[in-house]
Amino acid sequence: MVTLDVRPQLLDALSALRDRVAAARFPLPLAGAPRARANRDELLAQLDDYLVPRLRQPEAPLLAVVGGSTGAGKSTLVNSLVGRRVSEASVLRPTTRTPVLVCHPEDHHWFSGMRVLPDLTRVWMPHQEPSDDLLPTGPDGRRVLRIETAETLPPGLALLDAPDIDSLLADNRVLAAELMCAADIWVMVTTAARYADAVPWHLLRTAKEYDATLVTVLDRVPHQVVGEVSRQYGALLTKAGLGDVPRFTVPELPESAWGGGLLPASAVASLRTWLVHQAQDPAARRQVLARTAHGVLDSLSSRMPELASAAAAQYAAALRLTSAVDGAYDSEYARVRGRLQSGAVLAGDALKRWRAFPLDCTAGELLDALVESLAALLLCAVTAADERVDDAWRREPASDAPALTDRDPLPDNAEHRIGLAVRRWRRELEEYAEDEVRALERGAAPDPEAVAALVATVLLGGRRARSAGEGLAERLGAHGALRLRDRGGRLLGEHLDRVMHTERERRLAPLEALDVHAEPQAELIAALSVLQKER
């Protein structure tokens, strides 16, 4: 017989694994991302709602979650097992909106806290739900779990009536799946008319995959076909590898047909006896707990690598997106440096101003034209880089993430940022020119603004600005002119680097905000390895 061996080291390893799973993110819209997110959420639900609390407190009551399709009669079944109406049952669909947990009064404390299903707010009084409110939420919008106590249930056993697993309401479906993850025993309810439907069989196969303790109930079976339907259902279970699953049949009765909410005790006696035996017989109880817990633990050997693989795919896609940005900006940066060396800035209006300087153009006007031309060159480079990024990203499905497609438009914002950077360079260059002029040991000092205009022309004009270098040497001397050109050149390089780096970071910022890193893959595998060692 399988038993539970719960040691502190195992719980610590499981808690660490849980944290690694919770930290995993799959924000990029890759083919496997939706499945990875669903698997992560389901695994977290099983760890938080069932496995960790169960291993920490194995003496807590068994929780049997009653789930099934719309109209399967789950609430009627729960009411009948308890012996009184604790869950709303009717012909309206969906009926179960707020999940209801029923336990013996002595077991109330096990479920009044957040030991299991910590995301659900507990309510104690019967919840009267308006007909237009189909969501399992309280007045403040939080999801709720209604707790009922009944002396007719034995201590050690609790029943939970879950919403429909195939509800038209997505919130109900999600909640139903979460509740199933909290179960020691899955009680899957279907009907004679719907026992072959796909959704219940998906959950049955999931239960088999996790080796969960499972029991099925074939409900509302007409007397005339009970034998035939039971045989056909049994054959389907056997074919699915579930032939050993305990199976119970409930006949179609007026109480079930009209949603009366309570069946004769004899109709559910065999199921009730089986559930009570699992809760009260020590050997059966240990077997249930061990099987369900070990089923979840065993499933980690395949589920964790799958999550790690999805995390690796996310990181690989993020690297491709990042590389596209780096490549585009590196290329444009090199192109800008080349154009600066060739004197491309000294063109158009800037060239016209230089040719008119100093007779028909002031130093300030020349500087204005040079700054405007430099800003245009940088803006053109950034725009070209972003266009190259867009072309590369269009070939990457990962770039369809909303965070990457909803970025701010480029031109206006980039033009403003680049304009500020270039004007800052001009001011600092003018300060350098003033420093050189103050250092001159002669009475008639040159105009600092004219010196700044000349050095800017030298730095941005290439071969076209040879005469600007000569004019600068005349005003400052050879050593002063060389010193100012060197300082101004380093300053220009720093500002150029800063502009391109800022714009590159701007383009990468939405991607970096998604927090896709290489570590999750290794951390998930490492956490699984530690857990397996402790087992």
Protein backbone atom coordinates (compact mmCIF):
# COMPACT_ATOMS: atom_id res chain seq x y z
CA MET A 1 0.00 0.00 0.00
CA VAL A 2 1.27 3.47 -0.89
CA THR A 3 1.71 5.74 2.12
CA LEU A 4 2.47 9.41 2.65
CA ASP A 5 5.93 10.14 4.04
CA VAL A 6 5.85 13.83 4.86
CA ARG A 7 9.15 15.27 6.06
CA PRO A 8 10.05 18.94 6.57
CA GLN A 9 12.66 18.72 3.82
CA LEU A 10 10.03 17.51 1.36
CA LEU A 11 7.70 20.37 2.27
CA ASP A 12 10.54 22.87 1.91
CA ALA A 13 11.44 21.48 -1.52
CA LEU A 14 7.78 21.55 -2.55
CA SER A 15 7.39 25.16 -1.38
CA ALA A 16 10.49 26.17 -3.34
CA LEU A 17 9.14 24.42 -6.42
CA ARG A 18 5.81 26.17 -5.98
CA ASP A 19 7.57 29.56 -5.87
CA ARG A 20 9.47 28.75 -9.07
CA VAL A 21 6.22 27.79 -10.81
CA ALA A 22 4.52 30.99 -9.63
CA ALA A 23 7.45 33.07 -10.92
CA ALA A 24 7.32 31.55 -14.41
CA ARG A 25 5.93 33.94 -17.01
CA PHE A 26 4.88 33.27 -20.59
CA PRO A 27 3.94 36.73 -21.92
CA LEU A 28 5.05 36.31 -25.53
CA PRO A 29 2.32 34.93 -27.83
CA LEU A 30 4.14 31.79 -28.95
CA ALA A 31 2.29 28.69 -30.09
CA GLY A 32 2.72 26.90 -26.76
CA ALA A 33 2.26 29.92 -24.48
CA PRO A 34 -1.50 29.55 -23.78
CA ARG A 35 -1.01 25.90 -22.85
CA ALA A 36 1.98 26.79 -20.65
CA ARG A 37 -0.01 29.48 -18.84
CA ALA A 38 -2.93 27.11 -18.32
CA ASN A 39 -0.61 24.37 -17.07
CA ARG A 40 1.12 26.77 -14.71
CA ASP A 41 -2.19 28.01 -13.29
CA GLU A 42 -3.53 24.48 -12.92
CA LEU A 43 -0.34 23.32 -11.22
CA LEU A 44 -0.39 26.30 -8.85
CA ALA A 45 -4.01 25.53 -8.01
CA GLN A 46 -3.14 21.91 -7.21
CA LEU A 47 -0.15 22.92 -5.11
CA ASP A 48 -1.88 25.74 -3.22
CA ASP A 49 -5.37 24.30 -2.93
CA TYR A 50 -4.51 20.67 -2.35
CA LEU A 51 -1.01 19.23 -2.18
CA VAL A 52 0.78 21.64 0.18
CA PRO A 53 -2.12 21.94 2.68
CA ARG A 54 -2.75 18.19 2.49
CA LEU A 55 0.89 17.30 3.19
CA ARG A 56 1.07 19.83 6.01
CA GLN A 57 -2.14 18.56 7.63
CA PRO A 58 -2.84 14.98 6.55
CA GLU A 59 -5.36 14.63 9.41
CA ALA A 60 -7.74 17.17 7.84
CA PRO A 61 -11.09 15.82 6.53
CA LEU A 62 -11.31 14.25 3.10
CA LEU A 63 -12.74 16.67 0.54
CA ALA A 64 -14.87 15.11 -2.19
CA VAL A 65 -15.54 17.58 -5.00
CA VAL A 66 -18.69 16.84 -6.98
CA GLY A 67 -18.27 18.06 -10.57
CA GLY A 68 -19.86 17.47 -13.92
CA SER A 69 -21.67 18.91 -16.88
CA THR A 70 -24.56 21.35 -16.93
CA GLY A 71 -27.75 19.71 -15.74
CA ALA A 72 -26.03 16.54 -14.51
CA GLY A 73 -27.73 16.83 -11.12
CA LYS A 74 -24.69 17.62 -8.98
CA SER A 75 -26.54 19.81 -6.49
CA THR A 76 -29.39 17.31 -6.19
CA LEU A 77 -26.83 14.58 -5.56
CA VAL A 78 -25.05 16.61 -2.85
CA ASN A 79 -28.35 17.49 -1.17
CA SER A 80 -29.36 13.84 -1.22
CA LEU A 81 -26.03 12.67 0.24
CA VAL A 82 -26.38 15.21 3.05
CA GLY A 83 -30.07 14.50 3.61
CA ARG A 84 -31.25 18.11 3.34
CA ARG A 85 -31.10 20.98 0.91
CA VAL A 86 -27.78 22.76 1.24
CA SER A 87 -27.17 23.63 -2.42
CA GLU A 88 -29.66 25.23 -4.80
CA ALA A 89 -31.04 22.78 -7.38
CA SER A 90 -33.46 23.62 -10.16
CA VAL A 91 -34.12 23.23 -13.86
CA LEU A 92 -32.48 26.63 -14.52
CA ARG A 93 -28.96 26.46 -15.96
CA PRO A 94 -26.46 27.10 -14.57
CA THR A 95 -27.86 26.54 -11.08
CA THR A 96 -24.67 26.31 -9.02
CA ARG A 97 -23.21 29.78 -9.08
CA THR A 98 -21.55 29.95 -5.67
CA PRO A 99 -19.72 26.72 -4.74
CA VAL A 100 -21.02 25.15 -1.54
CA LEU A 101 -18.89 23.11 0.86
CA VAL A 102 -20.69 20.92 3.41
CA CYS A 103 -18.98 19.33 6.40
CA HIS A 104 -19.76 18.05 9.89
CA PRO A 105 -19.90 20.83 12.53
CA GLU A 106 -16.80 19.39 14.24
CA ASP A 107 -14.86 19.87 10.99
CA HIS A 108 -15.95 23.44 10.41
CA HIS A 109 -12.61 24.90 11.54
CA TRP A 110 -10.72 23.01 8.84
CA PHE A 111 -12.50 24.97 6.10
CA SER A 112 -13.30 28.32 7.76
CA GLY A 113 -9.67 29.39 7.33
CA MET A 114 -7.59 29.58 4.19
CA ARG A 115 -6.04 26.10 4.43
CA VAL A 116 -7.55 25.08 1.11
CA LEU A 117 -8.86 27.31 -1.69
CA PRO A 118 -7.18 30.42 -0.24
CA ASP A 119 -8.41 32.62 -3.09
CA LEU A 120 -12.08 32.16 -2.17
CA THR A 121 -13.74 34.35 0.44
CA ARG A 122 -15.74 32.35 2.99
CA VAL A 123 -19.41 33.12 3.59
CA TRP A 124 -21.47 31.37 6.24
CA MET A 125 -25.07 32.32 5.61
CA PRO A 126 -27.16 30.95 2.70
CA HIS A 127 -26.48 33.15 -0.30
CA GLN A 128 -29.61 34.34 -2.12
CA GLU A 129 -28.47 34.99 -5.66
CA PRO A 130 -30.47 37.23 -8.01
CA SER A 131 -31.51 35.64 -11.23
CA ASP A 132 -29.36 37.97 -13.30
CA ASP A 133 -26.22 37.34 -11.27
CA LEU A 134 -24.55 34.23 -12.62
CA LEU A 135 -21.06 34.76 -11.28
CA PRO A 136 -19.71 33.14 -8.10
CA THR A 137 -18.80 36.45 -6.46
CA GLY A 138 -19.75 38.36 -3.36
CA PRO A 139 -20.97 41.96 -3.08
CA ASP A 140 -17.41 43.30 -3.36
CA GLY A 141 -16.68 41.27 -6.50
CA ARG A 142 -14.55 38.65 -4.75
CA ARG A 143 -15.17 35.00 -5.46
CA VAL A 144 -16.81 33.24 -2.54
CA LEU A 145 -17.15 29.76 -1.08
CA ARG A 146 -20.25 29.11 1.03
CA ILE A 147 -19.66 26.87 4.04
CA GLU A 148 -22.51 24.73 5.38
CA THR A 149 -22.46 22.26 8.27
CA ALA A 150 -24.65 19.18 8.61
CA GLU A 151 -24.85 16.64 11.43
CA THR A 152 -25.88 14.06 8.85
CA LEU A 153 -22.40 14.01 7.34
CA PRO A 154 -19.86 11.98 9.33
CA PRO A 155 -16.78 13.72 10.74
CA GLY A 156 -13.82 13.46 8.41
CA LEU A 157 -15.78 13.87 5.17
CA ALA A 158 -16.68 17.10 3.33
CA LEU A 159 -18.58 17.53 0.08
CA LEU A 160 -18.14 20.42 -2.33
CA ASP A 161 -20.72 21.22 -5.00
CA ALA A 162 -18.79 22.78 -7.88
CA PRO A 163 -20.04 24.91 -10.80
CA ASP A 164 -20.56 23.25 -14.18
CA ILE A 165 -17.37 22.25 -15.94
CA ASP A 166 -18.95 23.14 -19.30
CA SER A 167 -20.71 26.32 -18.18
CA LEU A 168 -21.29 29.04 -20.75
CA LEU A 169 -19.68 31.37 -18.23
CA ALA A 170 -15.89 31.31 -18.41
CA ASP A 171 -15.54 32.26 -14.72
CA ASN A 172 -17.62 29.26 -13.73
CA ARG A 173 -15.52 26.90 -15.84
CA VAL A 174 -12.28 28.23 -14.41
CA LEU A 175 -13.60 27.98 -10.86
CA ALA A 176 -14.85 24.44 -11.44
CA ALA A 177 -11.38 23.39 -12.61
CA GLU A 178 -9.76 25.04 -9.58
CA LEU A 179 -12.13 23.24 -7.23
CA MET A 180 -11.32 19.90 -8.83
CA CYS A 181 -7.66 20.61 -8.13
CA ALA A 182 -8.47 20.88 -4.41
CA ALA A 183 -10.11 17.45 -4.20
CA ASP A 184 -8.98 14.34 -2.34
CA ILE A 185 -11.70 12.54 -4.31
CA TRP A 186 -13.16 13.57 -7.65
CA VAL A 187 -16.84 12.67 -7.97
CA MET A 188 -17.61 13.04 -11.68
CA VAL A 189 -21.34 13.20 -12.43
CA THR A 190 -22.82 12.69 -15.88
CA THR A 191 -26.20 11.62 -17.22
CA ALA A 192 -27.61 8.88 -19.41
CA ALA A 193 -28.06 11.48 -22.14
CA ARG A 194 -24.59 13.04 -21.94
CA TYR A 195 -22.16 10.40 -20.73
CA ALA A 196 -20.28 10.44 -24.06
CA ASP A 197 -19.78 14.24 -24.13
CA ALA A 198 -16.23 15.45 -24.64
CA VAL A 199 -15.84 17.74 -21.60
CA PRO A 200 -16.44 15.14 -18.86
CA TRP A 201 -14.12 12.73 -20.63
CA HIS A 202 -11.41 15.36 -20.76
CA LEU A 203 -11.56 15.64 -16.97
CA LEU A 204 -11.72 11.87 -16.56
CA ARG A 205 -8.54 11.51 -18.63
CA THR A 206 -6.93 14.28 -16.61
CA ALA A 207 -7.81 12.44 -13.40
CA LYS A 208 -6.28 9.27 -14.82
CA GLU A 209 -3.14 11.15 -15.87
CA TYR A 210 -2.71 12.44 -12.30
CA ASP A 211 -3.74 9.07 -10.80
CA ALA A 212 -6.36 10.91 -8.74
CA THR A 213 -8.84 9.08 -6.55
CA LEU A 214 -11.89 9.10 -8.80
CA VAL A 215 -15.47 7.90 -8.66
CA THR A 216 -18.09 8.36 -11.38
CA VAL A 217 -21.85 8.69 -11.06
CA LEU A 218 -24.17 7.95 -13.98
CA ASP A 219 -27.18 10.03 -13.03
CA ARG A 220 -30.78 10.29 -14.24
CA VAL A 221 -30.83 6.93 -15.99
CA PRO A 222 -34.32 5.81 -17.12
CA HIS A 223 -35.34 2.45 -15.66
CA GLN A 224 -35.99 1.00 -19.10
CA VAL A 225 -32.38 1.43 -20.30
CA VAL A 226 -30.41 1.32 -17.05
CA GLY A 227 -28.69 -1.97 -17.91
CA GLU A 228 -27.80 -1.02 -21.48
CA VAL A 229 -26.57 2.49 -20.62
CA SER A 230 -24.57 1.20 -17.67
CA ARG A 231 -22.85 -1.41 -19.84
CA GLN A 232 -22.04 1.11 -22.58
CA TYR A 233 -20.67 3.59 -20.06
CA GLY A 234 -18.60 0.87 -18.43
CA ALA A 235 -17.19 -0.14 -21.82
CA LEU A 236 -16.15 3.46 -22.51
CA LEU A 237 -14.44 3.68 -19.10
CA THR A 238 -12.59 0.42 -19.72
CA LYS A 239 -11.48 1.58 -23.16
CA ALA A 240 -10.12 4.76 -21.58
CA GLY A 241 -8.17 2.74 -19.00
CA LEU A 242 -10.63 3.67 -16.23
CA GLY A 243 -12.34 0.33 -15.87
CA ASP A 244 -11.34 0.01 -12.21
CA VAL A 245 -12.90 3.36 -11.24
CA PRO A 246 -15.82 2.91 -8.81
CA ARG A 247 -19.05 3.58 -10.70
CA PHE A 248 -22.51 4.27 -9.33
CA THR A 249 -25.84 4.61 -11.10
CA VAL A 250 -28.72 6.82 -9.96
CA PRO A 251 -32.08 6.18 -11.63
CA GLU A 252 -34.23 8.90 -13.11
CA LEU A 253 -36.77 9.97 -10.50
CA PRO A 254 -39.35 12.75 -10.28
CA GLU A 255 -37.14 14.55 -7.78
CA SER A 256 -34.26 14.70 -10.23
CA ALA A 257 -36.36 15.38 -13.30
CA TRP A 258 -37.96 18.49 -11.81
CA GLY A 259 -35.04 19.80 -9.79
CA GLY A 260 -36.62 19.09 -6.44
CA GLY A 261 -33.21 18.94 -4.84
CA LEU A 262 -33.59 15.77 -2.74
CA LEU A 263 -33.62 12.10 -3.79
CA PRO A 264 -34.68 9.14 -1.67
CA ALA A 265 -31.85 7.95 0.58
CA SER A 266 -31.90 4.56 -1.12
CA ALA A 267 -31.00 6.15 -4.48
CA VAL A 268 -27.63 7.38 -3.19
CA ALA A 269 -27.01 4.87 -0.41
CA SER A 270 -24.25 2.96 -2.21
CA LEU A 271 -22.32 6.13 -3.10
CA ARG A 272 -22.71 7.52 0.40
CA THR A 273 -21.50 4.23 1.91
CA TRP A 274 -18.44 4.26 -0.35
CA LEU A 275 -17.56 7.87 0.55
CA VAL A 276 -18.04 7.31 4.27
CA HIS A 277 -15.84 4.22 4.11
CA GLN A 278 -13.04 6.20 2.45
CA ALA A 279 -13.23 8.80 5.22
CA GLN A 280 -13.63 6.57 8.27
CA ASP A 281 -11.66 3.42 7.47
CA PRO A 282 -8.01 4.21 8.35
CA ALA A 283 -6.53 2.01 5.60
CA ALA A 284 -8.90 3.33 2.93
CA ARG A 285 -8.29 6.92 4.02
CA ARG A 286 -4.51 6.50 3.87
CA GLN A 287 -4.84 4.94 0.43
CA VAL A 288 -6.98 7.85 -0.86
CA LEU A 289 -4.63 10.49 0.48
CA ALA A 290 -1.49 8.76 -0.70
CA ARG A 291 -2.82 8.01 -4.17
CA THR A 292 -4.04 11.53 -4.87
CA ALA A 293 -0.96 13.22 -3.38
CA HIS A 294 1.48 10.91 -5.12
CA GLY A 295 -0.45 11.33 -8.35
CA VAL A 296 0.19 15.07 -8.28
CA LEU A 297 3.81 14.59 -7.23
CA ASP A 298 4.44 12.01 -9.94
CA SER A 299 2.90 14.27 -12.57
CA LEU A 300 5.56 16.88 -11.84
CA SER A 301 8.18 14.80 -13.64
CA SER A 302 6.47 15.61 -16.94
CA ARG A 303 4.76 18.90 -16.16
CA MET A 304 7.82 20.76 -14.85
CA PRO A 305 10.02 19.99 -17.89
CA GLU A 306 7.14 21.09 -20.09
CA LEU A 307 6.97 24.42 -18.26
CA ALA A 308 10.77 24.70 -18.43
CA SER A 309 10.67 24.07 -22.17
CA ALA A 310 8.03 26.76 -22.62
CA ALA A 311 10.14 29.16 -20.53
CA ALA A 312 13.16 28.39 -22.71
CA ALA A 313 11.09 29.09 -25.85
CA GLN A 314 10.04 32.43 -24.37
CA TYR A 315 13.65 33.38 -23.66
CA ALA A 316 14.79 32.28 -27.12
CA ALA A 317 12.09 34.43 -28.72
CA ALA A 318 13.00 37.38 -26.50
CA LEU A 319 16.64 36.98 -27.55
CA ARG A 320 15.65 37.04 -31.22
CA LEU A 321 13.62 40.19 -30.69
CA THR A 322 16.45 41.80 -28.73
CA SER A 323 19.01 40.82 -31.34
CA ALA A 324 16.90 42.41 -34.05
CA VAL A 325 16.92 45.70 -32.12
CA ASP A 326 20.64 45.50 -31.36
CA GLY A 327 21.49 44.68 -34.96
CA ALA A 328 19.40 47.50 -36.37
CA TYR A 329 20.77 50.12 -33.97
CA ASP A 330 24.38 48.92 -34.30
CA SER A 331 24.10 49.22 -38.06
CA GLU A 332 22.60 52.70 -37.93
CA TYR A 333 25.12 53.80 -35.33
CA ALA A 334 27.96 52.79 -37.63
CA ARG A 335 26.25 54.57 -40.51
CA VAL A 336 25.90 57.77 -38.46
CA ARG A 337 29.58 57.70 -37.51
CA GLY A 338 30.52 57.25 -41.12
CA ARG A 339 28.32 60.15 -42.25
CA LEU A 340 29.74 62.38 -39.55
CA GLN A 341 33.27 61.63 -40.70
CA SER A 342 32.27 62.42 -44.30
CA GLY A 343 30.80 65.77 -43.26
CA ALA A 344 27.20 64.89 -44.10
CA VAL A 345 25.89 67.32 -41.46
CA LEU A 346 27.42 70.26 -43.30
CA ALA A 347 24.88 70.20 -46.09
CA GLY A 348 21.77 72.07 -47.16
CA ASP A 349 21.01 75.11 -45.01
CA ALA A 350 24.01 74.39 -42.76
CA LEU A 351 26.38 74.49 -45.74
CA LYS A 352 24.74 77.66 -47.02
CA ARG A 353 25.20 79.29 -43.58
CA TRP A 354 28.82 78.21 -43.40
CA ARG A 355 29.61 79.72 -46.77
CA ALA A 356 28.01 82.99 -45.61
CA PHE A 357 29.87 83.03 -42.28
CA PRO A 358 30.93 85.44 -40.89
CA LEU A 359 29.92 88.24 -43.27
CA ASP A 360 26.27 87.36 -43.92
CA CYS A 361 25.69 84.83 -41.17
CA THR A 362 26.24 85.12 -37.41
CA ALA A 363 27.85 82.44 -35.28
CA GLY A 364 24.52 81.79 -33.59
CA GLU A 365 22.75 81.22 -36.91
CA LEU A 366 25.50 78.85 -38.05
CA LEU A 367 25.24 76.89 -34.81
CA ASP A 368 21.45 76.74 -35.15
CA ALA A 369 21.77 75.30 -38.66
CA LEU A 370 24.41 72.76 -37.62
CA VAL A 371 22.37 71.61 -34.63
CA GLU A 372 19.26 71.24 -36.77
CA SER A 373 21.15 69.24 -39.41
CA LEU A 374 22.74 66.96 -36.76
CA ALA A 375 19.34 66.34 -35.14
CA ALA A 376 17.87 65.47 -38.55
CA LEU A 377 20.69 62.99 -39.20
CA LEU A 378 20.14 61.29 -35.84
CA LEU A 379 16.37 61.22 -36.24
CA CYS A 380 16.76 59.67 -39.68
CA ALA A 381 19.05 57.02 -38.20
CA VAL A 382 16.65 56.19 -35.37
CA THR A 383 13.70 56.05 -37.75
CA ALA A 384 15.61 53.75 -40.09
CA ALA A 385 16.62 51.52 -37.16
CA ASP A 386 13.02 51.22 -36.01
CA GLU A 387 11.87 50.39 -39.53
CA ARG A 388 14.46 47.61 -39.68
CA VAL A 389 13.27 46.36 -36.31
CA ASP A 390 9.66 46.39 -37.52
CA ASP A 391 10.62 44.37 -40.59
CA ALA A 392 12.47 41.81 -38.48
CA TRP A 393 9.74 41.62 -35.83
CA ARG A 394 7.04 41.05 -38.43
CA ARG A 395 8.64 37.65 -39.01
CA GLU A 396 8.46 36.85 -35.28
CA PRO A 397 5.09 35.73 -33.83
CA ALA A 398 6.37 36.78 -30.39
CA SER A 399 6.29 40.44 -31.44
CA ASP A 400 2.48 40.37 -31.46
CA ALA A 401 2.44 40.75 -27.69
CA PRO A 402 0.20 43.75 -26.83
CA ALA A 403 2.99 45.32 -24.79
CA LEU A 404 5.15 45.40 -27.93
CA THR A 405 2.53 46.55 -30.41
CA ASP A 406 1.01 49.27 -28.22
CA ARG A 407 4.18 51.36 -27.98
CA ASP A 408 4.21 55.15 -28.38
CA PRO A 409 4.52 56.53 -31.92
CA LEU A 410 8.13 57.30 -32.78
CA PRO A 411 8.50 60.56 -34.73
CA ASP A 412 7.27 63.29 -32.36
CA ASN A 413 8.71 61.81 -29.17
CA ALA A 414 12.04 60.86 -30.75
CA GLU A 415 12.38 64.25 -32.43
CA HIS A 416 11.85 65.93 -29.07
CA ARG A 417 14.36 63.73 -27.24
CA ILE A 418 16.99 64.04 -29.95
CA GLY A 419 16.49 67.81 -30.17
CA LEU A 420 17.09 68.16 -26.43
CA ALA A 421 20.23 66.02 -26.62
CA VAL A 422 21.72 67.97 -29.52
CA ARG A 423 20.98 71.33 -27.92
CA ARG A 424 22.62 70.09 -24.72
CA TRP A 425 25.72 69.18 -26.75
CA ARG A 426 25.74 72.68 -28.21
CA ARG A 427 25.57 74.32 -24.76
CA GLU A 428 28.42 72.19 -23.43
CA LEU A 429 30.49 72.86 -26.54
CA GLU A 430 29.96 76.59 -26.06
CA GLU A 431 31.16 76.24 -22.46
CA TYR A 432 34.30 74.48 -23.70
CA ALA A 433 34.89 77.34 -26.15
CA GLU A 434 34.50 79.89 -23.35
CA ASP A 435 37.06 77.98 -21.27
CA GLU A 436 39.60 78.10 -24.10
CA VAL A 437 38.99 81.80 -24.74
CA ARG A 438 39.47 82.62 -21.05
CA ALA A 439 42.75 80.70 -21.05
CA LEU A 440 44.23 82.88 -23.81
CA GLU A 441 47.01 85.23 -22.60
CA ARG A 442 46.24 88.18 -24.79
CA GLY A 443 44.08 91.20 -24.60
CA ALA A 444 41.84 90.95 -27.68
CA ALA A 445 40.09 87.63 -27.05
CA PRO A 446 37.97 86.11 -29.85
CA ASP A 447 34.20 85.82 -29.59
CA PRO A 448 33.43 82.54 -27.72
CA GLU A 449 30.32 81.94 -29.84
CA ALA A 450 32.32 82.26 -33.03
CA VAL A 451 34.89 79.82 -31.63
CA ALA A 452 32.07 77.38 -30.78
CA ALA A 453 30.64 77.73 -34.31
CA LEU A 454 34.04 77.02 -35.84
CA VAL A 455 34.76 73.94 -33.73
CA ALA A 456 31.22 72.61 -34.39
CA THR A 457 31.85 73.08 -38.12
CA VAL A 458 35.18 71.27 -37.84
CA LEU A 459 33.59 68.34 -36.00
CA LEU A 460 30.57 68.03 -38.29
CA GLY A 461 31.85 69.22 -41.64
CA GLY A 462 34.53 66.70 -42.59
CA ARG A 463 36.74 67.78 -45.47
CA ARG A 464 34.39 70.62 -46.35
CA ALA A 465 35.31 72.33 -43.10
CA ARG A 466 39.09 72.47 -43.56
CA SER A 467 39.05 76.24 -43.53
CA ALA A 468 37.11 76.14 -40.24
CA GLY A 469 40.08 74.39 -38.63
CA GLU A 470 42.40 77.06 -39.95
CA GLY A 471 40.14 79.80 -38.57
CA LEU A 472 40.00 78.06 -35.21
CA ALA A 473 43.82 77.87 -35.05
CA GLU A 474 44.07 81.57 -35.89
CA ARG A 475 41.84 82.45 -32.95
CA LEU A 476 43.11 79.98 -30.34
CA GLY A 477 46.53 78.97 -31.55
CA ALA A 478 47.46 75.48 -32.73
CA HIS A 479 47.54 73.89 -29.28
CA GLY A 480 44.32 75.53 -28.10
CA ALA A 481 42.52 74.60 -31.33
CA LEU A 482 43.70 70.98 -31.09
CA ARG A 483 42.71 70.80 -27.44
CA LEU A 484 39.24 72.17 -28.13
CA ARG A 485 38.74 69.84 -31.12
CA ASP A 486 39.70 66.84 -28.99
CA ARG A 487 37.39 67.82 -26.13
CA GLY A 488 34.56 68.67 -28.52
CA GLY A 489 35.05 65.40 -30.43
CA ARG A 490 34.85 63.34 -27.26
CA LEU A 491 31.77 65.29 -26.21
CA LEU A 492 30.15 64.66 -29.61
CA GLY A 493 30.90 60.94 -29.34
CA GLU A 494 29.43 60.80 -25.85
CA HIS A 495 26.22 62.51 -26.93
CA LEU A 496 25.95 60.36 -30.04
CA ASP A 497 26.37 57.22 -27.93
CA ARG A 498 23.83 58.51 -25.44
CA VAL A 499 21.22 59.30 -28.10
CA MET A 500 21.50 55.93 -29.82
CA HIS A 501 21.60 54.08 -26.51
CA THR A 502 18.52 55.95 -25.24
CA GLU A 503 16.55 55.20 -28.39
CA ARG A 504 17.66 51.56 -28.37
CA GLU A 505 16.54 51.25 -24.74
CA ARG A 506 13.26 52.95 -25.59
CA ARG A 507 12.60 50.30 -28.23
CA LEU A 508 13.66 47.49 -25.89
CA ALA A 509 11.81 48.82 -22.82
CA PRO A 510 8.44 47.11 -23.54
CA LEU A 511 10.24 43.82 -24.14
CA GLU A 512 12.33 44.14 -21.00
CA ALA A 513 9.19 45.00 -19.02
CA LEU A 514 7.87 41.53 -19.88
CA ASP A 515 10.68 40.20 -17.67
CA VAL A 516 11.62 37.26 -19.88
CA HIS A 517 14.93 35.84 -18.67
CA ALA A 518 17.00 32.68 -18.99
CA GLU A 519 16.78 31.76 -15.29
CA PRO A 520 13.24 30.29 -15.10
CA GLN A 521 14.11 27.26 -17.22
CA ALA A 522 17.04 26.27 -15.01
CA GLU A 523 15.19 27.17 -11.80
CA LEU A 524 12.20 24.98 -12.69
CA ILE A 525 14.39 21.98 -13.48
CA ALA A 526 16.53 22.56 -10.39
CA ALA A 527 13.46 22.77 -8.15
CA LEU A 528 12.13 19.52 -9.60
CA SER A 529 15.52 17.85 -9.09
CA VAL A 530 15.63 18.88 -5.42
CA LEU A 531 12.07 17.65 -4.88
CA GLN A 532 12.78 14.30 -6.52
CA LYS A 533 15.87 13.89 -4.34
CA GLU A 534 13.84 14.57 -1.19
CA ARG A 535 11.17 12.06 -2.26
